[in-house]
Every structure is written in structure tokens, then in C-alpha cells.
């Protein structure tokens, strides 16, 4: 439960996805993807509840998704 005098729109802003920044589920992991300057999609952010995912270099930020 959340008690706040702030308006609903400020507490829970509507997420806007731009063309260069999208969310995808890859191998069961939610990732925020952004197209790099070279044109390849790259991982911008990993959203996972498994701490082991953050230790794998495959899911680190700025990794290109060449095999994807």
C-alpha cells in the first residue's frame, strides 16, 4: 500500500518506448535493448531476479546481440 500526496501520474509514469530503446525477453531474461552507433542491438539493462545472471558476461551492458 502506498500513501502519498503525489498525483498518480508522477508516482507511476507511463513508460514510453522509443524506437531505439525496446524491451525484449531473451532466453527468459527481460532486457532493455538499444541500437548502437554501429547499428547492432546492444543490451542496455538486464532486469532479472536471479543474481547469477548479473555475473555472466553475456548479459553485461553494451554487449552486442550478434547471435540474436
PDB file of N, CA and C in Angstrom:
ATOM      1  N   UNK A   1       0.840  -1.154   0.000  1.00  0.00           N
ATOM      2  CA  UNK A   1       0.000   0.000   0.000  1.00  0.00           C
ATOM      3  C   UNK A   1       0.898   1.233   0.000  1.00  0.00           C
ATOM      4  N   UNK A   2       0.523   2.206  -0.751  1.00  0.00           N
ATOM      5  CA  UNK A   2       1.323   3.419  -0.891  1.00  0.00           C
ATOM      6  C   UNK A   2       0.468   4.635  -0.543  1.00  0.00           C
ATOM      7  N   UNK A   3       0.909   5.380   0.445  1.00  0.00           N
ATOM      8  CA  UNK A   3       0.234   6.617   0.835  1.00  0.00           C
ATOM      9  C   UNK A   3       1.124   7.778   0.440  1.00  0.00           C
ATOM     10  N   UNK A   4       0.638   8.617  -0.450  1.00  0.00           N
ATOM     11  CA  UNK A   4       1.420   9.747  -0.904  1.00  0.00           C
ATOM     12  C   UNK A   4       0.495  10.873  -1.371  1.00  0.00           C
ATOM     13  N   UNK A   5       0.900  12.121  -1.171  1.00  0.00           N
ATOM     14  CA  UNK A   5       0.096  13.233  -1.687  1.00  0.00           C
ATOM     15  C   UNK A   5       0.376  13.511  -3.170  1.00  0.00           C
ATOM     16  N   UNK A   6       1.344  12.781  -3.740  1.00  0.00           N
ATOM     17  CA  UNK A   6       1.720  12.995  -5.140  1.00  0.00           C
ATOM     18  C   UNK A   6       0.638  12.436  -6.073  1.00  0.00           C
ATOM     19  N   UNK A   7       0.428  13.059  -7.217  1.00  0.00           N
ATOM     20  CA  UNK A   7      -0.537  12.533  -8.187  1.00  0.00           C
ATOM     21  C   UNK A   7      -0.088  11.182  -8.745  1.00  0.00           C
ATOM     22  N   UNK A   8      -1.039  10.396  -9.140  1.00  0.00           N
ATOM     23  CA  UNK A   8      -0.810   9.051  -9.693  1.00  0.00           C
ATOM     24  C   UNK A   8       0.174   9.092 -10.866  1.00  0.00           C
ATOM     25  N   UNK A   9       0.062  10.084 -11.722  1.00  0.00           N
ATOM     26  CA  UNK A   9       0.909  10.176 -12.918  1.00  0.00           C
ATOM     27  C   UNK A   9       2.376  10.393 -12.581  1.00  0.00           C
ATOM     28  N   UNK A  10       2.653  11.040 -11.453  1.00  0.00           N
ATOM     29  CA  UNK A  10       4.042  11.273 -11.056  1.00  0.00           C
ATOM     30  C   UNK A  10       4.624  10.027 -10.391  1.00  0.00           C
ATOM     31  N   UNK A  11       3.837   9.354  -9.579  1.00  0.00           N
ATOM     32  CA  UNK A  11       4.326   8.157  -8.891  1.00  0.00           C
ATOM     33  C   UNK A  11       4.521   7.016  -9.876  1.00  0.00           C
ATOM     34  N   UNK A  12       3.588   6.837 -10.795  1.00  0.00           N
ATOM     35  CA  UNK A  12       3.657   5.758 -11.781  1.00  0.00           C
ATOM     36  C   UNK A  12       3.612   6.362 -13.184  1.00  0.00           C
ATOM     37  N   UNK A  13       4.740   6.884 -13.670  1.00  0.00           N
ATOM     38  CA  UNK A  13       4.732   7.490 -15.003  1.00  0.00           C
ATOM     39  C   UNK A  13       4.529   6.434 -16.075  1.00  0.00           C
ATOM     40  N   UNK A  14       3.894   6.828 -17.130  1.00  0.00           N
ATOM     41  CA  UNK A  14       3.667   5.924 -18.242  1.00  0.00           C
ATOM     42  C   UNK A  14       4.983   5.739 -18.993  1.00  0.00           C
ATOM     43  N   UNK A  15       5.391   4.484 -19.154  1.00  0.00           N
ATOM     44  CA  UNK A  15       6.658   4.230 -19.848  1.00  0.00           C
ATOM     45  C   UNK A  15       6.471   4.402 -21.342  1.00  0.00           C
ATOM     46  N   UNK A  16       7.384   5.122 -21.914  1.00  0.00           N
ATOM     47  CA  UNK A  16       7.354   5.351 -23.352  1.00  0.00           C
ATOM     48  C   UNK A  16       8.546   4.646 -23.966  1.00  0.00           C
ATOM     49  N   UNK A  17       8.256   3.785 -24.947  1.00  0.00           N
ATOM     50  CA  UNK A  17       9.339   3.095 -25.637  1.00  0.00           C
ATOM     51  C   UNK A  17       9.637   3.829 -26.932  1.00  0.00           C
ATOM     52  N   UNK A  18      10.881   4.208 -27.087  1.00  0.00           N
ATOM     53  CA  UNK A  18      11.273   4.799 -28.355  1.00  0.00           C
ATOM     54  C   UNK A  18      11.773   3.688 -29.264  1.00  0.00           C
ATOM     55  N   UNK A  19      11.942   4.030 -30.524  1.00  0.00           N
ATOM     56  CA  UNK A  19      12.379   3.019 -31.483  1.00  0.00           C
ATOM     57  C   UNK A  19      13.769   2.499 -31.192  1.00  0.00           C
ATOM     58  N   UNK A  20      14.621   3.328 -30.617  1.00  0.00           N
ATOM     59  CA  UNK A  20      15.986   2.895 -30.368  1.00  0.00           C
ATOM     60  C   UNK A  20      16.149   2.248 -28.996  1.00  0.00           C
ATOM     61  N   UNK A  21      15.073   2.177 -28.217  1.00  0.00           N
ATOM     62  CA  UNK A  21      15.155   1.608 -26.876  1.00  0.00           C
ATOM     63  C   UNK A  21      13.910   0.749 -26.635  1.00  0.00           C
ATOM     64  N   UNK A  22      14.078  -0.577 -26.669  1.00  0.00           N
ATOM     65  CA  UNK A  22      12.961  -1.502 -26.551  1.00  0.00           C
ATOM     66  C   UNK A  22      13.239  -2.541 -25.477  1.00  0.00           C
ATOM     67  N   UNK A  23      12.179  -3.182 -24.996  1.00  0.00           N
ATOM     68  CA  UNK A  23      12.305  -4.261 -24.023  1.00  0.00           C
ATOM     69  C   UNK A  23      11.979  -5.579 -24.714  1.00  0.00           C
ATOM     70  N   UNK A  24      12.863  -6.568 -24.524  1.00  0.00           N
ATOM     71  CA  UNK A  24      12.663  -7.894 -25.085  1.00  0.00           C
ATOM     72  C   UNK A  24      12.985  -8.945 -24.034  1.00  0.00           C
ATOM     73  N   UNK A  25      12.350 -10.086 -24.141  1.00  0.00           N
ATOM     74  CA  UNK A  25      12.693 -11.234 -23.315  1.00  0.00           C
ATOM     75  C   UNK A  25      13.590 -12.132 -24.149  1.00  0.00           C
ATOM     76  N   UNK A  26      14.817 -12.317 -23.693  1.00  0.00           N
ATOM     77  CA  UNK A  26      15.800 -13.126 -24.405  1.00  0.00           C
ATOM     78  C   UNK A  26      16.243 -14.243 -23.474  1.00  0.00           C
ATOM     79  N   UNK A  27      16.013 -15.472 -23.899  1.00  0.00           N
ATOM     80  CA  UNK A  27      16.360 -16.657 -23.107  1.00  0.00           C
ATOM     81  C   UNK A  27      15.775 -16.561 -21.697  1.00  0.00           C
ATOM     82  N   UNK A  28      14.559 -16.051 -21.587  1.00  0.00           N
ATOM     83  CA  UNK A  28      13.878 -15.967 -20.312  1.00  0.00           C
ATOM     84  C   UNK A  28      14.285 -14.791 -19.440  1.00  0.00           C
ATOM     85  N   UNK A  29      15.094 -13.884 -19.966  1.00  0.00           N
ATOM     86  CA  UNK A  29      15.541 -12.719 -19.207  1.00  0.00           C
ATOM     87  C   UNK A  29      15.025 -11.458 -19.879  1.00  0.00           C
ATOM     88  N   UNK A  30      14.475 -10.548 -19.082  1.00  0.00           N
ATOM     89  CA  UNK A  30      13.986  -9.288 -19.624  1.00  0.00           C
ATOM     90  C   UNK A  30      15.164  -8.338 -19.796  1.00  0.00           C
ATOM     91  N   UNK A  31      15.329  -7.822 -21.005  1.00  0.00           N
ATOM     92  CA  UNK A  31      16.449  -6.937 -21.314  1.00  0.00           C
ATOM     93  C   UNK A  31      15.938  -5.672 -21.982  1.00  0.00           C
ATOM     94  N   UNK A  32      16.561  -4.569 -21.639  1.00  0.00           N
ATOM     95  CA  UNK A  32      16.312  -3.319 -22.342  1.00  0.00           C
ATOM     96  C   UNK A  32      17.382  -3.227 -23.413  1.00  0.00           C
ATOM     97  N   UNK A  33      16.966  -3.079 -24.650  1.00  0.00           N
ATOM     98  CA  UNK A  33      17.872  -3.114 -25.796  1.00  0.00           C
ATOM     99  C   UNK A  33      17.904  -1.737 -26.450  1.00  0.00           C
ATOM    100  N   UNK A  34      19.084  -1.329 -26.868  1.00  0.00           N
ATOM    101  CA  UNK A  34      19.241  -0.071 -27.598  1.00  0.00           C
ATOM    102  C   UNK A  34      20.143  -0.330 -28.795  1.00  0.00           C
ATOM    103  N   UNK A  35      19.814   0.267 -29.917  1.00  0.00           N
ATOM    104  CA  UNK A  35      20.634   0.114 -31.121  1.00  0.00           C
ATOM    105  C   UNK A  35      21.848   1.019 -30.992  1.00  0.00           C
ATOM    106  N   UNK A  36      23.026   0.427 -31.151  1.00  0.00           N
ATOM    107  CA  UNK A  36      24.267   1.174 -31.027  1.00  0.00           C
ATOM    108  C   UNK A  36      24.561   2.003 -32.262  1.00  0.00           C
ATOM    109  N   UNK A  37      25.642   2.765 -32.205  1.00  0.00           N
ATOM    110  CA  UNK A  37      26.035   3.612 -33.330  1.00  0.00           C
ATOM    111  C   UNK A  37      26.412   2.785 -34.555  1.00  0.00           C
ATOM    112  N   UNK A  38      26.860   1.540 -34.303  1.00  0.00           N
ATOM    113  CA  UNK A  38      27.235   0.664 -35.411  1.00  0.00           C
ATOM    114  C   UNK A  38      26.034  -0.065 -36.012  1.00  0.00           C
ATOM    115  N   UNK A  39      24.844   0.140 -35.444  1.00  0.00           N
ATOM    116  CA  UNK A  39      23.643  -0.488 -35.982  1.00  0.00           C
ATOM    117  C   UNK A  39      23.233  -1.774 -35.302  1.00  0.00           C
ATOM    118  N   UNK A  40      24.124  -2.382 -34.516  1.00  0.00           N
ATOM    119  CA  UNK A  40      23.810  -3.625 -33.833  1.00  0.00           C
ATOM    120  C   UNK A  40      23.041  -3.345 -32.542  1.00  0.00           C
ATOM    121  N   UNK A  41      22.053  -4.188 -32.233  1.00  0.00           N
ATOM    122  CA  UNK A  41      21.365  -4.016 -30.947  1.00  0.00           C
ATOM    123  C   UNK A  41      22.294  -4.401 -29.804  1.00  0.00           C
ATOM    124  N   UNK A  42      22.245  -3.639 -28.726  1.00  0.00           N
ATOM    125  CA  UNK A  42      23.090  -3.888 -27.567  1.00  0.00           C
ATOM    126  C   UNK A  42      22.240  -3.892 -26.304  1.00  0.00           C
ATOM    127  N   UNK A  43      22.688  -4.662 -25.321  1.00  0.00           N
ATOM    128  CA  UNK A  43      21.996  -4.716 -24.041  1.00  0.00           C
ATOM    129  C   UNK A  43      22.255  -3.411 -23.295  1.00  0.00           C
ATOM    130  N   UNK A  44      21.191  -2.731 -22.937  1.00  0.00           N
ATOM    131  CA  UNK A  44      21.304  -1.502 -22.156  1.00  0.00           C
ATOM    132  C   UNK A  44      21.148  -1.814 -20.675  1.00  0.00           C
ATOM    133  N   UNK A  45      20.197  -2.728 -20.361  1.00  0.00           N
ATOM    134  CA  UNK A  45      19.912  -3.043 -18.960  1.00  0.00           C
ATOM    135  C   UNK A  45      19.321  -4.434 -18.886  1.00  0.00           C
ATOM    136  N   UNK A  46      19.725  -5.190 -17.893  1.00  0.00           N
ATOM    137  CA  UNK A  46      19.172  -6.516 -17.608  1.00  0.00           C
ATOM    138  C   UNK A  46      18.259  -6.385 -16.402  1.00  0.00           C
ATOM    139  N   UNK A  47      17.069  -6.941 -16.506  1.00  0.00           N
ATOM    140  CA  UNK A  47      16.118  -6.917 -15.402  1.00  0.00           C
ATOM    141  C   UNK A  47      15.839  -8.362 -15.026  1.00  0.00           C
ATOM    142  N   UNK A  48      16.433  -8.810 -13.927  1.00  0.00           N
ATOM    143  CA  UNK A  48      16.325 -10.208 -13.523  1.00  0.00           C
ATOM    144  C   UNK A  48      16.340 -10.308 -12.006  1.00  0.00           C
ATOM    145  N   UNK A  49      15.680 -11.332 -11.481  1.00  0.00           N
ATOM    146  CA  UNK A  49      15.705 -11.592 -10.045  1.00  0.00           C
ATOM    147  C   UNK A  49      16.774 -12.609  -9.675  1.00  0.00           C
ATOM    148  N   UNK A  50      17.432 -13.184 -10.667  1.00  0.00           N
ATOM    149  CA  UNK A  50      18.474 -14.184 -10.425  1.00  0.00           C
ATOM    150  C   UNK A  50      19.838 -13.496 -10.352  1.00  0.00           C
ATOM    151  N   UNK A  51      20.494 -13.500  -9.197  1.00  0.00           N
ATOM    152  CA  UNK A  51      21.803 -12.840  -9.078  1.00  0.00           C
ATOM    153  C   UNK A  51      22.861 -13.442 -10.004  1.00  0.00           C
ATOM    154  N   UNK A  52      22.739 -14.697 -10.354  1.00  0.00           N
ATOM    155  CA  UNK A  52      23.717 -15.333 -11.238  1.00  0.00           C
ATOM    156  C   UNK A  52      23.710 -14.728 -12.642  1.00  0.00           C
ATOM    157  N   UNK A  53      22.574 -14.190 -13.068  1.00  0.00           N
ATOM    158  CA  UNK A  53      22.506 -13.569 -14.393  1.00  0.00           C
ATOM    159  C   UNK A  53      23.446 -12.372 -14.502  1.00  0.00           C
ATOM    160  N   UNK A  54      23.608 -11.647 -13.411  1.00  0.00           N
ATOM    161  CA  UNK A  54      24.451 -10.446 -13.419  1.00  0.00           C
ATOM    162  C   UNK A  54      25.935 -10.776 -13.419  1.00  0.00           C
ATOM    163  N   UNK A  55      26.290 -12.013 -13.111  1.00  0.00           N
ATOM    164  CA  UNK A  55      27.688 -12.426 -13.105  1.00  0.00           C
ATOM    165  C   UNK A  55      28.140 -12.952 -14.461  1.00  0.00           C
ATOM    166  N   UNK A  56      27.218 -13.212 -15.363  1.00  0.00           N
ATOM    167  CA  UNK A  56      27.571 -13.730 -16.682  1.00  0.00           C
ATOM    168  C   UNK A  56      27.914 -12.571 -17.622  1.00  0.00           C
ATOM    169  N   UNK A  57      29.065 -12.628 -18.274  1.00  0.00           N
ATOM    170  CA  UNK A  57      29.467 -11.537 -19.175  1.00  0.00           C
ATOM    171  C   UNK A  57      28.523 -11.379 -20.370  1.00  0.00           C
ATOM    172  N   UNK A  58      27.790 -12.421 -20.715  1.00  0.00           N
ATOM    173  CA  UNK A  58      26.857 -12.355 -21.838  1.00  0.00           C
ATOM    174  C   UNK A  58      25.801 -11.280 -21.628  1.00  0.00           C
ATOM    175  N   UNK A  59      25.400 -11.063 -20.379  1.00  0.00           N
ATOM    176  CA  UNK A  59      24.314 -10.138 -20.075  1.00  0.00           C
ATOM    177  C   UNK A  59      24.796  -8.783 -19.567  1.00  0.00           C
ATOM    178  N   UNK A  60      26.073  -8.493 -19.688  1.00  0.00           N
ATOM    179  CA  UNK A  60      26.574  -7.211 -19.206  1.00  0.00           C
ATOM    180  C   UNK A  60      26.186  -6.090 -20.180  1.00  0.00           C
ATOM    181  N   UNK A  61      26.056  -4.865 -19.688  1.00  0.00           N
ATOM    182  CA  UNK A  61      25.671  -3.738 -20.545  1.00  0.00           C
ATOM    183  C   UNK A  61      26.666  -3.515 -21.676  1.00  0.00           C
ATOM    184  N   UNK A  62      26.129  -3.033 -22.771  1.00  0.00           N
ATOM    185  CA  UNK A  62      26.866  -2.718 -24.000  1.00  0.00           C
ATOM    186  C   UNK A  62      27.306  -3.946 -24.782  1.00  0.00           C
ATOM    187  N   UNK A  63      26.861  -5.133 -24.376  1.00  0.00           N
ATOM    188  CA  UNK A  63      27.182  -6.330 -25.139  1.00  0.00           C
ATOM    189  C   UNK A  63      26.336  -6.373 -26.398  1.00  0.00           C
ATOM    190  N   UNK A  64      26.954  -6.588 -27.566  1.00  0.00           N
ATOM    191  CA  UNK A  64      26.151  -6.676 -28.803  1.00  0.00           C
ATOM    192  C   UNK A  64      25.411  -7.998 -28.859  1.00  0.00           C
ATOM    193  N   UNK A  65      24.239  -7.975 -29.443  1.00  0.00           N
ATOM    194  CA  UNK A  65      23.428  -9.179 -29.592  1.00  0.00           C
ATOM    195  C   UNK A  65      23.570  -9.699 -31.021  1.00  0.00           C
ATOM    196  N   UNK A  66      24.754 -10.142 -31.371  1.00  0.00           N
ATOM    197  CA  UNK A  66      25.047 -10.576 -32.731  1.00  0.00           C
ATOM    198  C   UNK A  66      24.336 -11.880 -33.039  1.00  0.00           C
ATOM    199  N   UNK A  67      24.266 -12.777 -32.075  1.00  0.00           N
ATOM    200  CA  UNK A  67      23.641 -14.083 -32.314  1.00  0.00           C
ATOM    201  C   UNK A  67      22.134 -14.036 -32.187  1.00  0.00           C
ATOM    202  N   UNK A  68      21.589 -12.898 -31.824  1.00  0.00           N
ATOM    203  CA  UNK A  68      20.165 -12.779 -31.564  1.00  0.00           C
ATOM    204  C   UNK A  68      19.400 -12.524 -32.808  1.00  0.00           C
TER     205      UNK A  68
END
